[in-house]
Amino acid sequence: VEAVMKGCANLGRHVQNVKKFGVPVVVAINHFT
């Protein structure tokens, strides 16, 4: 879990970037077993 939280910074950057274009965003967590 600690590594997941640390790695989320990459996801967060993309979320914030897409919002800069004025487009609402949702994240899809593509599930692995």
All heavy atoms as atom14 arrays in JSON, in Angstrom:
{
  "sequence": "VEAVMKGCANLGRHVQNVKKFGVPVVVAINHFT",
  "atom14_mask": [
    [1, 1, 1, 1, 1, 1, 1, 0, 0, 0, 0, 0, 0, 0],
    [1, 1, 1, 1, 1, 1, 1, 1, 1, 0, 0, 0, 0, 0],
    [1, 1, 1, 1, 1, 0, 0, 0, 0, 0, 0, 0, 0, 0],
    [1, 1, 1, 1, 1, 1, 1, 0, 0, 0, 0, 0, 0, 0],
    [1, 1, 1, 1, 1, 1, 1, 1, 0, 0, 0, 0, 0, 0],
    [1, 1, 1, 1, 1, 1, 1, 1, 1, 0, 0, 0, 0, 0],
    [1, 1, 1, 1, 0, 0, 0, 0, 0, 0, 0, 0, 0, 0],
    [1, 1, 1, 1, 1, 1, 0, 0, 0, 0, 0, 0, 0, 0],
    [1, 1, 1, 1, 1, 0, 0, 0, 0, 0, 0, 0, 0, 0],
    [1, 1, 1, 1, 1, 1, 1, 1, 0, 0, 0, 0, 0, 0],
    [1, 1, 1, 1, 1, 1, 1, 1, 0, 0, 0, 0, 0, 0],
    [1, 1, 1, 1, 0, 0, 0, 0, 0, 0, 0, 0, 0, 0],
    [1, 1, 1, 1, 1, 1, 1, 1, 1, 1, 1, 0, 0, 0],
    [1, 1, 1, 1, 1, 1, 1, 1, 1, 1, 0, 0, 0, 0],
    [1, 1, 1, 1, 1, 1, 1, 0, 0, 0, 0, 0, 0, 0],
    [1, 1, 1, 1, 1, 1, 1, 1, 1, 0, 0, 0, 0, 0],
    [1, 1, 1, 1, 1, 1, 1, 1, 0, 0, 0, 0, 0, 0],
    [1, 1, 1, 1, 1, 1, 1, 0, 0, 0, 0, 0, 0, 0],
    [1, 1, 1, 1, 1, 1, 1, 1, 1, 0, 0, 0, 0, 0],
    [1, 1, 1, 1, 1, 1, 1, 1, 1, 0, 0, 0, 0, 0],
    [1, 1, 1, 1, 1, 1, 1, 1, 1, 1, 1, 0, 0, 0],
    [1, 1, 1, 1, 0, 0, 0, 0, 0, 0, 0, 0, 0, 0],
    [1, 1, 1, 1, 1, 1, 1, 0, 0, 0, 0, 0, 0, 0],
    [1, 1, 1, 1, 1, 1, 1, 0, 0, 0, 0, 0, 0, 0],
    [1, 1, 1, 1, 1, 1, 1, 0, 0, 0, 0, 0, 0, 0],
    [1, 1, 1, 1, 1, 1, 1, 0, 0, 0, 0, 0, 0, 0],
    [1, 1, 1, 1, 1, 1, 1, 0, 0, 0, 0, 0, 0, 0],
    [1, 1, 1, 1, 1, 0, 0, 0, 0, 0, 0, 0, 0, 0],
    [1, 1, 1, 1, 1, 1, 1, 1, 0, 0, 0, 0, 0, 0],
    [1, 1, 1, 1, 1, 1, 1, 1, 0, 0, 0, 0, 0, 0],
    [1, 1, 1, 1, 1, 1, 1, 1, 1, 1, 0, 0, 0, 0],
    [1, 1, 1, 1, 1, 1, 1, 1, 1, 1, 1, 0, 0, 0],
    [1, 1, 1, 1, 1, 1, 1, 0, 0, 0, 0, 0, 0, 0]
  ],
  "atom14_positions": [
    [[0.82, -1.2, 0.0], [0.0, 0.0, 0.0], [0.86, 1.25, 0.0], [0.53, 2.25, -0.66], [-0.96, -0.01, 1.21], [-1.76, 1.3, 1.27], [-1.91, -1.2, 1.13], [0.0, 0.0, 0.0], [0.0, 0.0, 0.0], [0.0, 0.0, 0.0], [0.0, 0.0, 0.0], [0.0, 0.0, 0.0], [0.0, 0.0, 0.0], [0.0, 0.0, 0.0]],
    [[1.98, 1.2, 0.71], [2.86, 2.37, 0.77], [3.38, 2.74, -0.62], [3.41, 3.92, -1.0], [4.04, 2.07, 1.7], [4.97, 3.26, 1.89], [6.13, 2.94, 2.82], [6.11, 1.87, 3.47], [7.07, 3.76, 2.9], [0.0, 0.0, 0.0], [0.0, 0.0, 0.0], [0.0, 0.0, 0.0], [0.0, 0.0, 0.0], [0.0, 0.0, 0.0]],
    [[3.78, 1.73, -1.4], [4.27, 1.99, -2.75], [3.15, 2.52, -3.65], [3.37, 3.38, -4.5], [4.87, 0.72, -3.36], [0.0, 0.0, 0.0], [0.0, 0.0, 0.0], [0.0, 0.0, 0.0], [0.0, 0.0, 0.0], [0.0, 0.0, 0.0], [0.0, 0.0, 0.0], [0.0, 0.0, 0.0], [0.0, 0.0, 0.0], [0.0, 0.0, 0.0]],
    [[1.93, 1.99, -3.47], [0.79, 2.48, -4.24], [0.59, 3.97, -3.98], [0.45, 4.77, -4.92], [-0.5, 1.71, -3.87], [-1.73, 2.39, -4.48], [-0.41, 0.27, -4.37], [0.0, 0.0, 0.0], [0.0, 0.0, 0.0], [0.0, 0.0, 0.0], [0.0, 0.0, 0.0], [0.0, 0.0, 0.0], [0.0, 0.0, 0.0], [0.0, 0.0, 0.0]],
    [[0.61, 4.35, -2.72], [0.4, 5.75, -2.36], [1.51, 6.64, -2.91], [1.26, 7.74, -3.41], [0.28, 5.88, -0.84], [-0.95, 5.19, -0.28], [-1.01, 5.18, 1.53], [-1.2, 6.94, 1.86], [0.0, 0.0, 0.0], [0.0, 0.0, 0.0], [0.0, 0.0, 0.0], [0.0, 0.0, 0.0], [0.0, 0.0, 0.0], [0.0, 0.0, 0.0]],
    [[2.72, 6.14, -2.87], [3.84, 6.92, -3.39], [3.72, 7.07, -4.92], [3.97, 8.15, -5.47], [5.16, 6.21, -3.05], [6.4, 6.96, -3.5], [7.67, 6.21, -3.11], [8.91, 6.92, -3.63], [10.14, 6.13, -3.34], [0.0, 0.0, 0.0], [0.0, 0.0, 0.0], [0.0, 0.0, 0.0], [0.0, 0.0, 0.0], [0.0, 0.0, 0.0]],
    [[3.33, 6.0, -5.59], [3.23, 6.03, -7.05], [2.05, 6.83, -7.56], [2.0, 7.19, -8.75], [0.0, 0.0, 0.0], [0.0, 0.0, 0.0], [0.0, 0.0, 0.0], [0.0, 0.0, 0.0], [0.0, 0.0, 0.0], [0.0, 0.0, 0.0], [0.0, 0.0, 0.0], [0.0, 0.0, 0.0], [0.0, 0.0, 0.0], [0.0, 0.0, 0.0]],
    [[1.07, 7.11, -6.71], [-0.12, 7.85, -7.14], [0.2, 9.27, -7.6], [-0.64, 9.92, -8.24], [-1.15, 7.9, -6.02], [-2.22, 6.44, -5.93], [0.0, 0.0, 0.0], [0.0, 0.0, 0.0], [0.0, 0.0, 0.0], [0.0, 0.0, 0.0], [0.0, 0.0, 0.0], [0.0, 0.0, 0.0], [0.0, 0.0, 0.0], [0.0, 0.0, 0.0]],
    [[1.39, 9.74, -7.3], [1.77, 11.1, -7.74], [1.69, 11.21, -9.26], [1.3, 12.26, -9.79], [3.18, 11.44, -7.24], [0.0, 0.0, 0.0], [0.0, 0.0, 0.0], [0.0, 0.0, 0.0], [0.0, 0.0, 0.0], [0.0, 0.0, 0.0], [0.0, 0.0, 0.0], [0.0, 0.0, 0.0], [0.0, 0.0, 0.0], [0.0, 0.0, 0.0]],
    [[2.06, 10.14, -9.97], [1.99, 10.17, -11.44], [0.54, 10.32, -11.9], [0.24, 11.15, -12.77], [2.61, 8.9, -12.02], [2.68, 8.91, -13.54], [1.75, 8.49, -14.21], [3.77, 9.41, -14.09], [0.0, 0.0, 0.0], [0.0, 0.0, 0.0], [0.0, 0.0, 0.0], [0.0, 0.0, 0.0], [0.0, 0.0, 0.0], [0.0, 0.0, 0.0]],
    [[-0.35, 9.56, -11.3], [-1.77, 9.66, -11.62], [-2.31, 11.05, -11.31], [-3.03, 11.65, -12.11], [-2.55, 8.59, -10.84], [-4.08, 8.66, -10.88], [-4.59, 8.54, -12.3], [-4.67, 7.57, -9.98], [0.0, 0.0, 0.0], [0.0, 0.0, 0.0], [0.0, 0.0, 0.0], [0.0, 0.0, 0.0], [0.0, 0.0, 0.0], [0.0, 0.0, 0.0]],
    [[-1.93, 11.56, -10.15], [-2.4, 12.89, -9.75], [-2.0, 13.97, -10.71], [-2.79, 14.89, -11.02], [0.0, 0.0, 0.0], [0.0, 0.0, 0.0], [0.0, 0.0, 0.0], [0.0, 0.0, 0.0], [0.0, 0.0, 0.0], [0.0, 0.0, 0.0], [0.0, 0.0, 0.0], [0.0, 0.0, 0.0], [0.0, 0.0, 0.0], [0.0, 0.0, 0.0]],
    [[-0.77, 13.89, -11.21], [-0.3, 14.89, -12.17], [-1.17, 14.87, -13.44], [-1.55, 15.92, -13.96], [1.16, 14.59, -12.51], [1.75, 15.42, -13.64], [2.13, 16.82, -13.21], [3.08, 16.86, -12.14], [4.41, 16.66, -12.26], [4.92, 16.37, -13.44], [5.2, 16.76, -11.21], [0.0, 0.0, 0.0], [0.0, 0.0, 0.0], [0.0, 0.0, 0.0]],
    [[-1.5, 13.68, -13.91], [-2.32, 13.57, -15.12], [-3.74, 14.1, -14.88], [-4.32, 14.76, -15.75], [-2.37, 12.12, -15.6], [-1.1, 11.64, -16.2], [-0.55, 12.19, -17.34], [-0.24, 10.65, -15.82], [0.58, 11.56, -17.64], [0.79, 10.63, -16.73], [0.0, 0.0, 0.0], [0.0, 0.0, 0.0], [0.0, 0.0, 0.0], [0.0, 0.0, 0.0]],
    [[-4.3, 13.8, -13.72], [-5.64, 14.31, -13.39], [-5.65, 15.83, -13.41], [-6.51, 16.47, -14.02], [-6.11, 13.77, -12.03], [-7.39, 14.48, -11.58], [-6.35, 12.27, -12.08], [0.0, 0.0, 0.0], [0.0, 0.0, 0.0], [0.0, 0.0, 0.0], [0.0, 0.0, 0.0], [0.0, 0.0, 0.0], [0.0, 0.0, 0.0], [0.0, 0.0, 0.0]],
    [[-4.67, 16.43, -12.75], [-4.6, 17.89, -12.7], [-4.36, 18.49, -14.08], [-4.93, 19.53, -14.43], [-3.49, 18.3, -11.72], [-3.82, 17.96, -10.27], [-2.6, 17.99, -9.36], [-1.46, 17.89, -9.83], [-2.84, 18.12, -8.06], [0.0, 0.0, 0.0], [0.0, 0.0, 0.0], [0.0, 0.0, 0.0], [0.0, 0.0, 0.0], [0.0, 0.0, 0.0]],
    [[-3.53, 17.83, -14.89], [-3.25, 18.34, -16.23], [-4.49, 18.35, -17.11], [-4.75, 19.32, -17.83], [-2.16, 17.49, -16.9], [-0.76, 17.82, -16.4], [-0.56, 18.8, -15.68], [0.2, 17.0, -16.78], [0.0, 0.0, 0.0], [0.0, 0.0, 0.0], [0.0, 0.0, 0.0], [0.0, 0.0, 0.0], [0.0, 0.0, 0.0], [0.0, 0.0, 0.0]],
    [[-5.24, 17.24, -17.1], [-6.43, 17.17, -17.95], [-7.45, 18.22, -17.53], [-8.12, 18.85, -18.36], [-7.03, 15.76, -17.93], [-8.38, 15.73, -18.64], [-6.08, 14.77, -18.6], [0.0, 0.0, 0.0], [0.0, 0.0, 0.0], [0.0, 0.0, 0.0], [0.0, 0.0, 0.0], [0.0, 0.0, 0.0], [0.0, 0.0, 0.0], [0.0, 0.0, 0.0]],
    [[-7.56, 18.47, -16.22], [-8.48, 19.49, -15.73], [-8.13, 20.88, -16.26], [-9.0, 21.74, -16.4], [-8.49, 19.5, -14.2], [-9.27, 18.34, -13.58], [-9.33, 18.51, -12.07], [-10.23, 17.48, -11.42], [-10.36, 17.68, -9.96], [0.0, 0.0, 0.0], [0.0, 0.0, 0.0], [0.0, 0.0, 0.0], [0.0, 0.0, 0.0], [0.0, 0.0, 0.0]],
    [[-6.84, 21.11, -16.57], [-6.43, 22.42, -17.09], [-7.09, 22.74, -18.43], [-7.15, 23.9, -18.82], [-4.9, 22.46, -17.25], [-4.14, 22.48, -15.94], [-2.64, 22.45, -16.18], [-1.89, 22.43, -14.84], [-0.43, 22.32, -15.03], [0.0, 0.0, 0.0], [0.0, 0.0, 0.0], [0.0, 0.0, 0.0], [0.0, 0.0, 0.0], [0.0, 0.0, 0.0]],
    [[-7.55, 21.71, -19.13], [-8.21, 21.92, -20.42], [-9.72, 22.14, -20.26], [-10.44, 22.26, -21.25], [-7.96, 20.73, -21.34], [-6.52, 20.59, -21.76], [-5.65, 19.8, -21.02], [-6.04, 21.24, -22.89], [-4.31, 19.66, -21.41], [-4.71, 21.1, -23.28], [-3.84, 20.32, -22.54], [0.0, 0.0, 0.0], [0.0, 0.0, 0.0], [0.0, 0.0, 0.0]],
    [[-10.2, 22.16, -19.03], [-11.62, 22.39, -18.79], [-12.49, 21.18, -19.04], [-13.68, 21.32, -19.34], [0.0, 0.0, 0.0], [0.0, 0.0, 0.0], [0.0, 0.0, 0.0], [0.0, 0.0, 0.0], [0.0, 0.0, 0.0], [0.0, 0.0, 0.0], [0.0, 0.0, 0.0], [0.0, 0.0, 0.0], [0.0, 0.0, 0.0], [0.0, 0.0, 0.0]],
    [[-11.91, 19.98, -18.92], [-12.65, 18.75, -19.18], [-12.8, 17.97, -17.87], [-11.8, 17.69, -17.2], [-11.92, 17.88, -20.23], [-12.69, 16.59, -20.49], [-11.75, 18.66, -21.53], [0.0, 0.0, 0.0], [0.0, 0.0, 0.0], [0.0, 0.0, 0.0], [0.0, 0.0, 0.0], [0.0, 0.0, 0.0], [0.0, 0.0, 0.0], [0.0, 0.0, 0.0]],
    [[-14.03, 17.61, -17.46], [-14.21, 16.84, -16.22], [-13.6, 15.45, -16.34], [-13.64, 14.84, -17.41], [-15.72, 16.78, -16.04], [-16.3, 17.07, -17.38], [-15.31, 17.95, -18.09], [0.0, 0.0, 0.0], [0.0, 0.0, 0.0], [0.0, 0.0, 0.0], [0.0, 0.0, 0.0], [0.0, 0.0, 0.0], [0.0, 0.0, 0.0], [0.0, 0.0, 0.0]],
    [[-13.06, 14.93, -15.23], [-12.24, 13.72, -15.24], [-12.77, 12.67, -14.27], [-13.22, 13.0, -13.17], [-10.78, 14.07, -14.85], [-9.92, 12.81, -14.79], [-10.19, 15.07, -15.82], [0.0, 0.0, 0.0], [0.0, 0.0, 0.0], [0.0, 0.0, 0.0], [0.0, 0.0, 0.0], [0.0, 0.0, 0.0], [0.0, 0.0, 0.0], [0.0, 0.0, 0.0]],
    [[-12.71, 11.4, -14.7], [-12.92, 10.27, -13.81], [-11.77, 9.28, -14.03], [-11.23, 9.19, -15.15], [-14.29, 9.59, -14.06], [-14.4, 9.07, -15.49], [-14.54, 8.45, -13.06], [0.0, 0.0, 0.0], [0.0, 0.0, 0.0], [0.0, 0.0, 0.0], [0.0, 0.0, 0.0], [0.0, 0.0, 0.0], [0.0, 0.0, 0.0], [0.0, 0.0, 0.0]],
    [[-11.35, 8.6, -12.97], [-10.26, 7.62, -13.06], [-10.84, 6.22, -13.13], [-11.72, 5.86, -12.34], [-9.3, 7.74, -11.86], [-8.27, 6.6, -11.85], [-8.59, 9.1, -11.88], [0.0, 0.0, 0.0], [0.0, 0.0, 0.0], [0.0, 0.0, 0.0], [0.0, 0.0, 0.0], [0.0, 0.0, 0.0], [0.0, 0.0, 0.0], [0.0, 0.0, 0.0]],
    [[-10.36, 5.42, -14.1], [-10.73, 4.01, -14.2], [-9.59, 3.16, -13.68], [-8.47, 3.21, -14.22], [-11.04, 3.65, -15.65], [0.0, 0.0, 0.0], [0.0, 0.0, 0.0], [0.0, 0.0, 0.0], [0.0, 0.0, 0.0], [0.0, 0.0, 0.0], [0.0, 0.0, 0.0], [0.0, 0.0, 0.0], [0.0, 0.0, 0.0], [0.0, 0.0, 0.0]],
    [[-9.84, 2.41, -12.61], [-8.83, 1.48, -12.11], [-9.04, 0.16, -12.83], [-10.0, -0.58, -12.55], [-8.95, 1.27, -10.58], [-8.89, 2.61, -9.84], [-7.85, 0.33, -10.08], [-9.17, 2.48, -8.34], [0.0, 0.0, 0.0], [0.0, 0.0, 0.0], [0.0, 0.0, 0.0], [0.0, 0.0, 0.0], [0.0, 0.0, 0.0], [0.0, 0.0, 0.0]],
    [[-8.18, -0.15, -13.77], [-8.28, -1.39, -14.54], [-7.83, -2.55, -13.64], [-6.66, -2.63, -13.26], [-7.42, -1.29, -15.79], [-7.58, -2.48, -16.71], [-8.54, -3.24, -16.6], [-6.62, -2.66, -17.6], [0.0, 0.0, 0.0], [0.0, 0.0, 0.0], [0.0, 0.0, 0.0], [0.0, 0.0, 0.0], [0.0, 0.0, 0.0], [0.0, 0.0, 0.0]],
    [[-8.74, -3.43, -13.31], [-8.51, -4.44, -12.27], [-7.6, -5.58, -12.72], [-7.74, -6.1, -13.83], [-9.85, -5.01, -11.81], [-9.73, -6.04, -10.73], [-9.81, -7.39, -10.97], [-9.49, -5.91, -9.39], [-9.67, -8.06, -9.83], [-9.47, -7.18, -8.86], [0.0, 0.0, 0.0], [0.0, 0.0, 0.0], [0.0, 0.0, 0.0], [0.0, 0.0, 0.0]],
    [[-6.67, -5.95, -11.85], [-5.86, -7.16, -11.99], [-6.16, -8.06, -10.79], [-6.46, -7.59, -9.7], [-4.37, -6.83, -12.03], [-3.88, -6.36, -13.38], [-4.23, -5.11, -13.87], [-3.07, -7.17, -14.16], [-3.78, -4.68, -15.12], [-2.61, -6.75, -15.4], [-2.97, -5.5, -15.88], [0.0, 0.0, 0.0], [0.0, 0.0, 0.0], [0.0, 0.0, 0.0]],
    [[-6.04, -9.37, -11.01], [-6.41, -10.31, -9.93], [-5.53, -10.17, -8.7], [-5.94, -10.54, -7.59], [-6.33, -11.77, -10.45], [-5.03, -12.0, -11.01], [-7.4, -12.02, -11.5], [0.0, 0.0, 0.0], [0.0, 0.0, 0.0], [0.0, 0.0, 0.0], [0.0, 0.0, 0.0], [0.0, 0.0, 0.0], [0.0, 0.0, 0.0], [0.0, 0.0, 0.0]]
  ]
}
